[in-house]
PDB file of N, CA and C in Angstrom:
ATOM      1  N   UNK A   1       0.763  -1.241   0.092  1.00  0.00           N
ATOM      2  CA  UNK A   1       0.439   0.017  -0.234  1.00  0.00           C
ATOM      3  C   UNK A   1       0.961   1.379  -0.153  1.00  0.00           C
ATOM      4  N   UNK A   2       0.521   2.143  -1.015  1.00  0.00           N
ATOM      5  CA  UNK A   2       1.479   3.379  -0.980  1.00  0.00           C
ATOM      6  C   UNK A   2       1.073   4.604   0.001  1.00  0.00           C
ATOM      7  N   UNK A   3       1.841   5.432   0.373  1.00  0.00           N
ATOM      8  CA  UNK A   3       1.592   6.307   1.148  1.00  0.00           C
ATOM      9  C   UNK A   3       0.446   7.307   0.786  1.00  0.00           C
ATOM     10  N   UNK A   4      -0.106   7.541  -0.402  1.00  0.00           N
ATOM     11  CA  UNK A   4      -1.148   8.241  -0.482  1.00  0.00           C
ATOM     12  C   UNK A   4      -2.593   7.396  -0.064  1.00  0.00           C
ATOM     13  N   UNK A   5      -2.652   5.979  -0.193  1.00  0.00           N
ATOM     14  CA  UNK A   5      -3.243   5.159   0.199  1.00  0.00           C
ATOM     15  C   UNK A   5      -3.373   5.212   2.002  1.00  0.00           C
ATOM     16  N   UNK A   6      -2.322   4.957   2.642  1.00  0.00           N
ATOM     17  CA  UNK A   6      -2.354   5.081   4.229  1.00  0.00           C
ATOM     18  C   UNK A   6      -2.910   6.396   4.572  1.00  0.00           C
ATOM     19  N   UNK A   7      -2.543   7.518   3.806  1.00  0.00           N
ATOM     20  CA  UNK A   7      -2.755   8.849   4.081  1.00  0.00           C
ATOM     21  C   UNK A   7      -4.423   9.042   3.910  1.00  0.00           C
ATOM     22  N   UNK A   8      -5.149   8.314   2.937  1.00  0.00           N
ATOM     23  CA  UNK A   8      -6.195   8.661   2.810  1.00  0.00           C
ATOM     24  C   UNK A   8      -7.338   7.530   3.748  1.00  0.00           C
ATOM     25  N   UNK A   9      -6.448   6.560   4.412  1.00  0.00           N
ATOM     26  CA  UNK A   9      -7.244   6.013   5.513  1.00  0.00           C
ATOM     27  C   UNK A   9      -7.391   6.627   6.817  1.00  0.00           C
ATOM     28  N   UNK A  10      -6.139   7.175   6.815  1.00  0.00           N
ATOM     29  CA  UNK A  10      -5.901   7.748   7.970  1.00  0.00           C
ATOM     30  C   UNK A  10      -7.117   8.899   8.110  1.00  0.00           C
ATOM     31  N   UNK A  11      -7.190   9.581   6.848  1.00  0.00           N
ATOM     32  CA  UNK A  11      -8.358  11.022   6.858  1.00  0.00           C
ATOM     33  C   UNK A  11      -9.609  10.413   7.311  1.00  0.00           C
ATOM     34  N   UNK A  12      -9.744   9.201   6.415  1.00  0.00           N
ATOM     35  CA  UNK A  12     -11.029   8.432   6.745  1.00  0.00           C
ATOM     36  C   UNK A  12     -11.509   8.030   8.226  1.00  0.00           C
ATOM     37  N   UNK A  13     -10.286   7.485   8.898  1.00  0.00           N
ATOM     38  CA  UNK A  13     -10.504   7.393  10.266  1.00  0.00           C
ATOM     39  C   UNK A  13     -10.626   8.432  11.029  1.00  0.00           C
ATOM     40  N   UNK A  14     -10.082   9.516  10.617  1.00  0.00           N
ATOM     41  CA  UNK A  14     -10.189  10.920  11.396  1.00  0.00           C
ATOM     42  C   UNK A  14     -11.874  11.368  11.421  1.00  0.00           C
ATOM     43  N   UNK A  15     -12.356  11.161  10.254  1.00  0.00           N
ATOM     44  CA  UNK A  15     -13.536  11.650   9.878  1.00  0.00           C
ATOM     45  C   UNK A  15     -14.867  10.812  10.534  1.00  0.00           C
ATOM     46  N   UNK A  16     -14.114   9.139  10.681  1.00  0.00           N
ATOM     47  CA  UNK A  16     -15.183   8.406  11.345  1.00  0.00           C
ATOM     48  C   UNK A  16     -15.110   8.856  12.836  1.00  0.00           C
ATOM     49  N   UNK A  17     -14.013   9.037  13.382  1.00  0.00           N
ATOM     50  CA  UNK A  17     -13.862   9.682  14.976  1.00  0.00           C
ATOM     51  C   UNK A  17     -14.624  10.654  14.956  1.00  0.00           C
ATOM     52  N   UNK A  18     -15.019  11.576  14.352  1.00  0.00           N
ATOM     53  CA  UNK A  18     -15.587  12.814  14.463  1.00  0.00           C
ATOM     54  C   UNK A  18     -17.091  12.696  14.523  1.00  0.00           C
ATOM     55  N   UNK A  19     -17.397  11.487  13.531  1.00  0.00           N
ATOM     56  CA  UNK A  19     -18.628  11.074  13.394  1.00  0.00           C
ATOM     57  C   UNK A  19     -18.946  10.152  14.878  1.00  0.00           C
ATOM     58  N   UNK A  20     -18.263   9.395  15.362  1.00  0.00           N
ATOM     59  CA  UNK A  20     -18.536   8.860  16.507  1.00  0.00           C
ATOM     60  C   UNK A  20     -18.750  10.088  17.701  1.00  0.00           C
ATOM     61  N   UNK A  21     -17.756  10.977  17.907  1.00  0.00           N
ATOM     62  CA  UNK A  21     -18.044  11.902  18.635  1.00  0.00           C
ATOM     63  C   UNK A  21     -19.449  12.574  18.517  1.00  0.00           C
ATOM     64  N   UNK A  22     -19.871  13.018  17.511  1.00  0.00           N
ATOM     65  CA  UNK A  22     -21.454  13.285  17.142  1.00  0.00           C
ATOM     66  C   UNK A  22     -22.543  12.373  17.782  1.00  0.00           C
ATOM     67  N   UNK A  23     -22.130  11.168  17.416  1.00  0.00           N
ATOM     68  CA  UNK A  23     -22.933  10.142  17.618  1.00  0.00           C
ATOM     69  C   UNK A  23     -23.210   9.625  19.325  1.00  0.00           C
ATOM     70  N   UNK A  24     -21.953   9.867  19.925  1.00  0.00           N
ATOM     71  CA  UNK A  24     -22.324   9.870  21.251  1.00  0.00           C
ATOM     72  C   UNK A  24     -23.316  10.878  22.116  1.00  0.00           C
ATOM     73  N   UNK A  25     -23.124  12.369  21.198  1.00  0.00           N
ATOM     74  CA  UNK A  25     -24.462  13.116  22.031  1.00  0.00           C
ATOM     75  C   UNK A  25     -25.467  12.862  21.357  1.00  0.00           C
ATOM     76  N   UNK A  26     -25.914  11.962  20.305  1.00  0.00           N
ATOM     77  CA  UNK A  26     -27.271  12.168  19.475  1.00  0.00           C
ATOM     78  C   UNK A  26     -27.928  10.565  19.758  1.00  0.00           C
ATOM     79  N   UNK A  27     -27.237   9.669  19.616  1.00  0.00           N
ATOM     80  CA  UNK A  27     -28.091   8.535  19.429  1.00  0.00           C
ATOM     81  C   UNK A  27     -27.800   7.405  20.449  1.00  0.00           C
ATOM     82  N   UNK A  28     -28.358   6.129  20.295  1.00  0.00           N
ATOM     83  CA  UNK A  28     -28.139   5.416  21.218  1.00  0.00           C
ATOM     84  C   UNK A  28     -26.944   4.669  21.026  1.00  0.00           C
ATOM     85  N   UNK A  29     -26.624   3.707  22.425  1.00  0.00           N
ATOM     86  CA  UNK A  29     -25.305   2.856  22.456  1.00  0.00           C
ATOM     87  C   UNK A  29     -24.981   1.899  21.396  1.00  0.00           C
ATOM     88  N   UNK A  30     -26.058   1.332  20.788  1.00  0.00           N
ATOM     89  CA  UNK A  30     -25.870   0.324  19.959  1.00  0.00           C
ATOM     90  C   UNK A  30     -25.333   0.764  18.852  1.00  0.00           C
ATOM     91  N   UNK A  31     -25.907   1.854  18.051  1.00  0.00           N
ATOM     92  CA  UNK A  31     -25.277   2.945  16.990  1.00  0.00           C
ATOM     93  C   UNK A  31     -23.823   3.081  17.192  1.00  0.00           C
ATOM     94  N   UNK A  32     -23.489   3.799  18.292  1.00  0.00           N
ATOM     95  CA  UNK A  32     -22.494   3.937  18.772  1.00  0.00           C
ATOM     96  C   UNK A  32     -21.062   2.889  18.564  1.00  0.00           C
ATOM     97  N   UNK A  33     -21.527   1.785  19.048  1.00  0.00           N
ATOM     98  CA  UNK A  33     -20.787   0.592  18.999  1.00  0.00           C
ATOM     99  C   UNK A  33     -20.675   0.101  17.618  1.00  0.00           C
ATOM    100  N   UNK A  34     -21.714   0.302  16.856  1.00  0.00           N
ATOM    101  CA  UNK A  34     -21.200  -0.158  15.418  1.00  0.00           C
ATOM    102  C   UNK A  34     -20.397   0.653  14.917  1.00  0.00           C
ATOM    103  N   UNK A  35     -20.123   2.072  15.105  1.00  0.00           N
ATOM    104  CA  UNK A  35     -19.543   2.856  14.738  1.00  0.00           C
ATOM    105  C   UNK A  35     -18.013   2.613  15.257  1.00  0.00           C
ATOM    106  N   UNK A  36     -18.044   2.415  16.537  1.00  0.00           N
ATOM    107  CA  UNK A  36     -16.629   2.313  16.954  1.00  0.00           C
ATOM    108  C   UNK A  36     -15.987   0.660  16.592  1.00  0.00           C
ATOM    109  N   UNK A  37     -16.790  -0.332  16.473  1.00  0.00           N
ATOM    110  CA  UNK A  37     -16.247  -1.712  15.526  1.00  0.00           C
ATOM    111  C   UNK A  37     -15.530  -0.948  14.413  1.00  0.00           C
ATOM    112  N   UNK A  38     -16.321  -0.679  13.652  1.00  0.00           N
ATOM    113  CA  UNK A  38     -15.999  -0.172  12.105  1.00  0.00           C
ATOM    114  C   UNK A  38     -14.729   0.397  12.488  1.00  0.00           C
ATOM    115  N   UNK A  39     -14.384   1.447  13.202  1.00  0.00           N
ATOM    116  CA  UNK A  39     -13.271   2.667  13.376  1.00  0.00           C
ATOM    117  C   UNK A  39     -11.996   1.593  13.906  1.00  0.00           C
ATOM    118  N   UNK A  40     -12.527   0.450  14.963  1.00  0.00           N
ATOM    119  CA  UNK A  40     -11.388  -0.564  15.380  1.00  0.00           C
ATOM    120  C   UNK A  40     -11.032  -1.115  14.137  1.00  0.00           C
ATOM    121  N   UNK A  41     -11.794  -1.498  13.427  1.00  0.00           N
ATOM    122  CA  UNK A  41     -11.611  -2.533  12.294  1.00  0.00           C
ATOM    123  C   UNK A  41     -10.312  -1.580  11.194  1.00  0.00           C
ATOM    124  N   UNK A  42     -10.763  -0.497  11.175  1.00  0.00           N
ATOM    125  CA  UNK A  42     -10.012   0.337  10.111  1.00  0.00           C
ATOM    126  C   UNK A  42      -8.508   0.707  10.762  1.00  0.00           C
ATOM    127  N   UNK A  43      -8.703   0.909  12.018  1.00  0.00           N
ATOM    128  CA  UNK A  43      -7.171   1.020  12.766  1.00  0.00           C
ATOM    129  C   UNK A  43      -6.536  -0.323  12.800  1.00  0.00           C
ATOM    130  N   UNK A  44      -7.293  -1.413  12.663  1.00  0.00           N
ATOM    131  CA  UNK A  44      -6.243  -2.627  12.226  1.00  0.00           C
ATOM    132  C   UNK A  44      -5.780  -2.793  11.105  1.00  0.00           C
ATOM    133  N   UNK A  45      -6.596  -2.632  10.296  1.00  0.00           N
ATOM    134  CA  UNK A  45      -6.083  -2.486   8.748  1.00  0.00           C
ATOM    135  C   UNK A  45      -4.798  -1.756   8.440  1.00  0.00           C
ATOM    136  N   UNK A  46      -5.234  -0.231   8.854  1.00  0.00           N
ATOM    137  CA  UNK A  46      -4.179   0.571   8.941  1.00  0.00           C
ATOM    138  C   UNK A  46      -2.516   0.015   9.438  1.00  0.00           C
ATOM    139  N   UNK A  47      -2.494  -0.520  10.625  1.00  0.00           N
ATOM    140  CA  UNK A  47      -1.488  -0.803  11.437  1.00  0.00           C
ATOM    141  C   UNK A  47      -0.991  -2.324  10.892  1.00  0.00           C
ATOM    142  N   UNK A  48      -1.438  -3.098  10.042  1.00  0.00           N
ATOM    143  CA  UNK A  48      -1.267  -4.294   9.461  1.00  0.00           C
ATOM    144  C   UNK A  48      -0.673  -3.796   7.989  1.00  0.00           C
ATOM    145  N   UNK A  49      -0.947  -2.676   7.336  1.00  0.00           N
ATOM    146  CA  UNK A  49      -0.667  -2.184   6.197  1.00  0.00           C
ATOM    147  C   UNK A  49       1.032  -1.421   6.309  1.00  0.00           C
ATOM    148  N   UNK A  50       0.836  -0.824   7.761  1.00  0.00           N
ATOM    149  CA  UNK A  50       2.026   0.160   8.001  1.00  0.00           C
ATOM    150  C   UNK A  50       3.057  -0.925   8.474  1.00  0.00           C
ATOM    151  N   UNK A  51       2.943  -2.196   8.947  1.00  0.00           N
ATOM    152  CA  UNK A  51       3.794  -3.082   9.166  1.00  0.00           C
ATOM    153  C   UNK A  51       4.260  -3.876   7.865  1.00  0.00           C
ATOM    154  N   UNK A  52       3.876  -3.653   6.686  1.00  0.00           N
ATOM    155  CA  UNK A  52       4.404  -4.277   5.687  1.00  0.00           C
ATOM    156  C   UNK A  52       5.314  -3.726   5.036  1.00  0.00           C
ATOM    157  N   UNK A  53       4.958  -2.489   5.641  1.00  0.00           N
ATOM    158  CA  UNK A  53       6.356  -1.844   4.634  1.00  0.00           C
ATOM    159  C   UNK A  53       7.683  -1.704   4.687  1.00  0.00           C
TER     160      UNK A  53
END
């Protein structure tokens, strides 16, 4: 995975984190948990890709 792709994933992670913060204020825990799980999965993908460099 090239640097631009990793940066794109990091930017996506930042946007998801912002969405999670908004959801904490507006929605039920189950919705929040789904977003947190998605973010966790993205973090795992990013860390695996960085490790392969």
